[in-house]
């Protein structure tokens, strides 16, 4: 059985066992960050050879950065 060259959004989420959500991938696409992708019609496809462990690392770094930004907003509102 051959490995597919591209994965659909739900297949990427399943491959990473829900460590990265579909919403996160959509958000990254809108901000032009995260893994590369191609669109064919309405289908969004991710190249398998570009999906790796770095994807999880990036998700964790971005989550930490988002939490820091939220904390700064809370402290700014209290001042």
Protein backbone atom coordinates (compact mmCIF):
# COMPACT_ATOMS: atom_id res chain seq x y z
CA UNK A 1 0.00 0.00 0.00
CA UNK A 2 1.42 3.38 -0.95
CA UNK A 3 1.51 6.44 1.26
CA UNK A 4 -0.57 9.33 -0.08
CA UNK A 5 1.34 12.42 -1.17
CA UNK A 6 -1.22 14.77 0.39
CA UNK A 7 -3.56 14.65 3.38
CA UNK A 8 -6.89 16.39 3.87
CA UNK A 9 -7.49 18.53 6.95
CA UNK A 10 -9.28 15.80 8.91
CA UNK A 11 -6.53 13.32 8.02
CA UNK A 12 -3.86 15.67 9.42
CA UNK A 13 -5.85 16.06 12.64
CA UNK A 14 -6.24 12.27 12.89
CA UNK A 15 -2.55 11.68 12.12
CA UNK A 16 -1.52 13.91 15.03
CA UNK A 17 -4.16 12.34 17.30
CA UNK A 18 -5.95 15.63 17.92
CA UNK A 19 -2.83 17.39 19.25
CA UNK A 20 -3.56 20.00 16.61
CA UNK A 21 -7.17 20.89 15.94
CA UNK A 22 -8.79 21.61 12.61
CA UNK A 23 -9.51 25.13 13.88
CA UNK A 24 -5.80 25.69 14.57
CA UNK A 25 -4.86 24.61 11.07
CA UNK A 26 -7.55 26.88 9.59
CA UNK A 27 -6.31 29.79 11.71
CA UNK A 28 -2.72 29.19 10.61
CA UNK A 29 -3.79 29.12 6.96
CA UNK A 30 -5.56 32.46 7.34
CA UNK A 31 -2.41 33.97 8.90
CA UNK A 32 -0.11 32.32 6.33
CA UNK A 33 1.82 30.39 8.99
CA UNK A 34 2.13 26.69 9.74
CA UNK A 35 2.55 23.88 7.24
CA UNK A 36 2.36 24.57 3.53
CA UNK A 37 -0.84 23.59 1.74
CA UNK A 38 -2.46 23.66 -1.64
CA UNK A 39 -6.06 24.29 -2.57
CA UNK A 40 -7.79 22.44 -5.35
CA UNK A 41 -11.25 23.87 -5.60
CA UNK A 42 -12.55 23.86 -2.04
CA UNK A 43 -10.23 21.04 -0.96
CA UNK A 44 -7.24 21.97 1.22
CA UNK A 45 -4.38 19.48 1.00
CA UNK A 46 -1.21 19.26 3.06
CA UNK A 47 1.95 17.62 1.61
CA UNK A 48 2.86 14.61 3.74
CA UNK A 49 6.60 15.18 3.34
CA UNK A 50 6.29 18.61 5.00
CA UNK A 51 4.32 17.43 8.02
CA UNK A 52 6.65 16.47 10.83
CA UNK A 53 7.34 16.78 14.53
CA UNK A 54 7.96 20.49 14.01
CA UNK A 55 4.22 20.90 13.57
CA UNK A 56 3.57 19.96 17.21
CA UNK A 57 6.45 22.16 18.40
CA UNK A 58 5.06 25.10 16.47
CA UNK A 59 1.62 24.56 17.96
CA UNK A 60 3.01 24.54 21.49
CA UNK A 61 5.11 27.68 20.90
CA UNK A 62 2.15 29.54 19.42
CA UNK A 63 -0.09 28.48 22.29
CA UNK A 64 2.46 29.78 24.80
CA UNK A 65 2.78 33.07 22.89
CA UNK A 66 -1.01 33.47 22.79
CA UNK A 67 -1.23 32.89 26.54
CA UNK A 68 1.44 35.54 27.17
CA UNK A 69 -0.44 38.04 25.00
CA UNK A 70 -3.68 37.32 26.87
CA UNK A 71 -1.95 37.82 30.22
CA UNK A 72 -0.57 41.18 29.05
CA UNK A 73 -4.06 42.29 28.03
CA UNK A 74 -5.47 41.32 31.43
CA UNK A 75 -2.74 43.24 33.27
CA UNK A 76 -3.21 46.26 30.97
CA UNK A 77 -6.94 46.29 31.69
CA UNK A 78 -6.33 46.19 35.45
CA UNK A 79 -4.02 49.19 35.35
